[in-house]
């Protein structure tokens, strides 16, 4: 396998946001792995102009907490709700999740990618059925964040 092929495989990983890729070519076995960048954090600046502004911010925070947050697919692939066909789903409606809780698997190019909640909260909706094809950015779950 030449450097050009390996470079192209690395580009495919970046394009599809894959964390791992394993390729076999005859007796040669190549495994590429990378750390995906964390989700960017946005910071809001709020100017307090008396009691009215503080009350407005508290009301806005309460509205934001009431709205569900979507967990989206970070890559194109096949959605699996459980680790094996016989196993129970990773999460279901009403289940409490933390940032490191695995909520599903998205298979891409024979690589099983565990998708984590990245937020703490309660699952309110499962938006994809087991075995369905998913696109990059497609909503998978809705959660009410804590």
C-alpha atoms as a PDB file:
ATOM      1  CA  UNK A   1       0.000   0.000   0.000  1.00  0.00           C
ATOM      2  CA  UNK A   2       1.511   3.331  -1.014  1.00  0.00           C
ATOM      3  CA  UNK A   3       1.539   6.676   0.783  1.00  0.00           C
ATOM      4  CA  UNK A   4      -0.970   8.133  -1.703  1.00  0.00           C
ATOM      5  CA  UNK A   5      -3.550   5.457  -0.813  1.00  0.00           C
ATOM      6  CA  UNK A   6      -3.013   5.951   2.910  1.00  0.00           C
ATOM      7  CA  UNK A   7      -3.371   9.707   2.462  1.00  0.00           C
ATOM      8  CA  UNK A   8      -6.650   9.206   0.571  1.00  0.00           C
ATOM      9  CA  UNK A   9      -7.957   6.942   3.368  1.00  0.00           C
ATOM     10  CA  UNK A  10      -7.102   9.661   5.896  1.00  0.00           C
ATOM     11  CA  UNK A  11      -9.073  12.171   3.781  1.00  0.00           C
ATOM     12  CA  UNK A  12     -12.080   9.816   3.735  1.00  0.00           C
ATOM     13  CA  UNK A  13     -11.892   9.550   7.530  1.00  0.00           C
ATOM     14  CA  UNK A  14     -11.904  13.342   7.851  1.00  0.00           C
ATOM     15  CA  UNK A  15     -14.715  13.796   5.309  1.00  0.00           C
ATOM     16  CA  UNK A  16     -16.986  11.332   7.073  1.00  0.00           C
ATOM     17  CA  UNK A  17     -15.761  12.162  10.596  1.00  0.00           C
ATOM     18  CA  UNK A  18     -14.691   8.577  11.264  1.00  0.00           C
ATOM     19  CA  UNK A  19     -12.667   7.934  14.392  1.00  0.00           C
ATOM     20  CA  UNK A  20     -11.237   4.615  13.159  1.00  0.00           C
ATOM     21  CA  UNK A  21     -10.704   2.843   9.844  1.00  0.00           C
ATOM     22  CA  UNK A  22      -9.322  -0.646   9.293  1.00  0.00           C
ATOM     23  CA  UNK A  23      -8.333  -1.951   5.831  1.00  0.00           C
ATOM     24  CA  UNK A  24      -7.005  -5.359   4.786  1.00  0.00           C
ATOM     25  CA  UNK A  25      -5.173  -5.844   1.490  1.00  0.00           C
ATOM     26  CA  UNK A  26      -3.788  -9.351   1.140  1.00  0.00           C
ATOM     27  CA  UNK A  27      -1.394  -9.903   4.027  1.00  0.00           C
ATOM     28  CA  UNK A  28      -1.243  -6.203   4.847  1.00  0.00           C
ATOM     29  CA  UNK A  29      -3.579  -4.936   7.552  1.00  0.00           C
ATOM     30  CA  UNK A  30      -3.781  -1.176   8.169  1.00  0.00           C
ATOM     31  CA  UNK A  31      -5.611   0.515  11.043  1.00  0.00           C
ATOM     32  CA  UNK A  32      -5.983   4.287  11.129  1.00  0.00           C
ATOM     33  CA  UNK A  33      -7.335   6.074  14.195  1.00  0.00           C
ATOM     34  CA  UNK A  34      -7.779   9.726  15.057  1.00  0.00           C
ATOM     35  CA  UNK A  35      -9.227  11.812  17.829  1.00  0.00           C
ATOM     36  CA  UNK A  36     -12.220  13.786  16.666  1.00  0.00           C
ATOM     37  CA  UNK A  37     -12.304  17.437  17.624  1.00  0.00           C
ATOM     38  CA  UNK A  38     -14.617  18.353  20.450  1.00  0.00           C
ATOM     39  CA  UNK A  39     -17.782  20.240  19.699  1.00  0.00           C
ATOM     40  CA  UNK A  40     -17.002  23.958  19.703  1.00  0.00           C
ATOM     41  CA  UNK A  41     -18.174  25.827  22.752  1.00  0.00           C
ATOM     42  CA  UNK A  42     -19.966  29.114  22.289  1.00  0.00           C
ATOM     43  CA  UNK A  43     -19.872  31.797  24.904  1.00  0.00           C
ATOM     44  CA  UNK A  44     -22.517  34.470  25.240  1.00  0.00           C
ATOM     45  CA  UNK A  45     -21.864  37.832  26.796  1.00  0.00           C
ATOM     46  CA  UNK A  46     -24.785  39.228  28.779  1.00  0.00           C
ATOM     47  CA  UNK A  47     -24.902  42.833  29.974  1.00  0.00           C
ATOM     48  CA  UNK A  48     -26.876  43.338  33.156  1.00  0.00           C
ATOM     49  CA  UNK A  49     -28.753  46.632  33.156  1.00  0.00           C
ATOM     50  CA  UNK A  50     -30.604  46.429  36.422  1.00  0.00           C
ATOM     51  CA  UNK A  51     -33.113  43.946  37.787  1.00  0.00           C
ATOM     52  CA  UNK A  52     -35.152  43.777  34.563  1.00  0.00           C
ATOM     53  CA  UNK A  53     -32.215  42.284  32.591  1.00  0.00           C
ATOM     54  CA  UNK A  54     -31.524  39.668  35.265  1.00  0.00           C
ATOM     55  CA  UNK A  55     -35.185  38.633  35.265  1.00  0.00           C
ATOM     56  CA  UNK A  56     -35.171  38.405  31.451  1.00  0.00           C
ATOM     57  CA  UNK A  57     -32.056  36.188  31.554  1.00  0.00           C
ATOM     58  CA  UNK A  58     -33.644  33.856  34.126  1.00  0.00           C
ATOM     59  CA  UNK A  59     -36.781  33.587  31.951  1.00  0.00           C
ATOM     60  CA  UNK A  60     -34.669  32.876  28.844  1.00  0.00           C
ATOM     61  CA  UNK A  61     -32.694  30.187  30.717  1.00  0.00           C
ATOM     62  CA  UNK A  62     -35.965  28.550  31.832  1.00  0.00           C
ATOM     63  CA  UNK A  63     -37.222  28.510  28.209  1.00  0.00           C
ATOM     64  CA  UNK A  64     -33.941  26.991  26.998  1.00  0.00           C
ATOM     65  CA  UNK A  65     -34.114  24.280  29.663  1.00  0.00           C
ATOM     66  CA  UNK A  66     -37.673  23.359  28.627  1.00  0.00           C
ATOM     67  CA  UNK A  67     -36.746  22.871  24.951  1.00  0.00           C
ATOM     68  CA  UNK A  68     -35.346  19.468  24.033  1.00  0.00           C
ATOM     69  CA  UNK A  69     -31.809  19.198  22.681  1.00  0.00           C
ATOM     70  CA  UNK A  70     -31.099  17.003  19.655  1.00  0.00           C
ATOM     71  CA  UNK A  71     -28.338  14.382  19.503  1.00  0.00           C
ATOM     72  CA  UNK A  72     -27.351  14.179  15.829  1.00  0.00           C
ATOM     73  CA  UNK A  73     -25.398  11.623  13.839  1.00  0.00           C
ATOM     74  CA  UNK A  74     -21.753  12.666  13.438  1.00  0.00           C
ATOM     75  CA  UNK A  75     -21.401  10.553  10.291  1.00  0.00           C
ATOM     76  CA  UNK A  76     -23.205   8.705   7.503  1.00  0.00           C
ATOM     77  CA  UNK A  77     -23.935   5.050   8.218  1.00  0.00           C
ATOM     78  CA  UNK A  78     -26.365   2.527   9.688  1.00  0.00           C
ATOM     79  CA  UNK A  79     -28.021   3.225  13.055  1.00  0.00           C
ATOM     80  CA  UNK A  80     -28.039   0.456  15.667  1.00  0.00           C
ATOM     81  CA  UNK A  81     -29.929   0.989  18.929  1.00  0.00           C
ATOM     82  CA  UNK A  82     -28.255  -1.975  20.686  1.00  0.00           C
ATOM     83  CA  UNK A  83     -24.802  -3.583  20.728  1.00  0.00           C
ATOM     84  CA  UNK A  84     -26.193  -6.872  19.313  1.00  0.00           C
ATOM     85  CA  UNK A  85     -29.560  -7.862  17.790  1.00  0.00           C
ATOM     86  CA  UNK A  86     -30.496  -9.799  20.952  1.00  0.00           C
ATOM     87  CA  UNK A  87     -29.445  -7.088  23.440  1.00  0.00           C
ATOM     88  CA  UNK A  88     -31.599  -4.374  24.948  1.00  0.00           C
ATOM     89  CA  UNK A  89     -31.252  -0.877  23.436  1.00  0.00           C
ATOM     90  CA  UNK A  90     -28.525   1.371  24.846  1.00  0.00           C
ATOM     91  CA  UNK A  91     -31.210   3.943  25.807  1.00  0.00           C
ATOM     92  CA  UNK A  92     -34.964   4.332  25.593  1.00  0.00           C
ATOM     93  CA  UNK A  93     -37.521   7.066  26.206  1.00  0.00           C
ATOM     94  CA  UNK A  94     -37.377   8.145  29.841  1.00  0.00           C
ATOM     95  CA  UNK A  95     -33.789   6.938  30.252  1.00  0.00           C
ATOM     96  CA  UNK A  96     -31.319   9.236  31.997  1.00  0.00           C
ATOM     97  CA  UNK A  97     -28.012   9.825  30.205  1.00  0.00           C
ATOM     98  CA  UNK A  98     -24.734  11.526  31.031  1.00  0.00           C
ATOM     99  CA  UNK A  99     -22.108  13.004  28.716  1.00  0.00           C
ATOM    100  CA  UNK A 100     -20.249   9.670  28.412  1.00  0.00           C
ATOM    101  CA  UNK A 101     -23.351   7.483  28.000  1.00  0.00           C
ATOM    102  CA  UNK A 102     -23.335   5.512  24.731  1.00  0.00           C
ATOM    103  CA  UNK A 103     -26.740   6.077  23.113  1.00  0.00           C
ATOM    104  CA  UNK A 104     -26.269   4.076  19.885  1.00  0.00           C
ATOM    105  CA  UNK A 105     -23.832   2.751  17.295  1.00  0.00           C
ATOM    106  CA  UNK A 106     -23.460   4.098  13.760  1.00  0.00           C
ATOM    107  CA  UNK A 107     -21.733   1.629  11.461  1.00  0.00           C
ATOM    108  CA  UNK A 108     -19.720   3.143   8.626  1.00  0.00           C
ATOM    109  CA  UNK A 109     -17.500   1.066   6.335  1.00  0.00           C
ATOM    110  CA  UNK A 110     -17.643  -1.938   8.720  1.00  0.00           C
ATOM    111  CA  UNK A 111     -16.483   0.225  11.634  1.00  0.00           C
ATOM    112  CA  UNK A 112     -18.794   0.384  14.640  1.00  0.00           C
ATOM    113  CA  UNK A 113     -18.734   3.955  16.022  1.00  0.00           C
ATOM    114  CA  UNK A 114     -20.192   4.425  19.500  1.00  0.00           C
ATOM    115  CA  UNK A 115     -22.177   7.664  19.721  1.00  0.00           C
ATOM    116  CA  UNK A 116     -22.215   9.321  23.144  1.00  0.00           C
ATOM    117  CA  UNK A 117     -24.853  11.690  24.518  1.00  0.00           C
ATOM    118  CA  UNK A 118     -22.302  14.469  25.247  1.00  0.00           C
ATOM    119  CA  UNK A 119     -24.948  16.037  27.523  1.00  0.00           C
ATOM    120  CA  UNK A 120     -26.750  15.087  30.713  1.00  0.00           C
ATOM    121  CA  UNK A 121     -30.497  14.712  30.587  1.00  0.00           C
ATOM    122  CA  UNK A 122     -33.497  12.483  29.931  1.00  0.00           C
ATOM    123  CA  UNK A 123     -34.292  10.888  26.566  1.00  0.00           C
ATOM    124  CA  UNK A 124     -37.666  12.205  25.337  1.00  0.00           C
ATOM    125  CA  UNK A 125     -37.734  10.805  21.775  1.00  0.00           C
ATOM    126  CA  UNK A 126     -35.921   8.193  19.702  1.00  0.00           C
ATOM    127  CA  UNK A 127     -36.125   9.567  16.151  1.00  0.00           C
ATOM    128  CA  UNK A 128     -34.582   6.676  14.163  1.00  0.00           C
ATOM    129  CA  UNK A 129     -35.512   3.014  13.928  1.00  0.00           C
ATOM    130  CA  UNK A 130     -32.961   0.234  14.410  1.00  0.00           C
ATOM    131  CA  UNK A 131     -31.088  -0.670  11.217  1.00  0.00           C
ATOM    132  CA  UNK A 132     -32.035   2.556   9.409  1.00  0.00           C
ATOM    133  CA  UNK A 133     -29.570   4.476   7.250  1.00  0.00           C
ATOM    134  CA  UNK A 134     -28.634   7.845   8.732  1.00  0.00           C
ATOM    135  CA  UNK A 135     -27.039  10.937   7.226  1.00  0.00           C
ATOM    136  CA  UNK A 136     -24.465  13.301   8.689  1.00  0.00           C
ATOM    137  CA  UNK A 137     -26.229  15.706  11.062  1.00  0.00           C
ATOM    138  CA  UNK A 138     -29.498  13.740  11.097  1.00  0.00           C
ATOM    139  CA  UNK A 139     -31.298  13.961  14.463  1.00  0.00           C
ATOM    140  CA  UNK A 140     -31.208  10.637  16.337  1.00  0.00           C
ATOM    141  CA  UNK A 141     -32.577  11.503  19.791  1.00  0.00           C
ATOM    142  CA  UNK A 142     -34.171  14.364  21.664  1.00  0.00           C
ATOM    143  CA  UNK A 143     -33.245  14.912  25.308  1.00  0.00           C
ATOM    144  CA  UNK A 144     -34.307  17.347  28.006  1.00  0.00           C
ATOM    145  CA  UNK A 145     -31.049  18.569  29.484  1.00  0.00           C
ATOM    146  CA  UNK A 146     -30.581  18.851  33.236  1.00  0.00           C
END
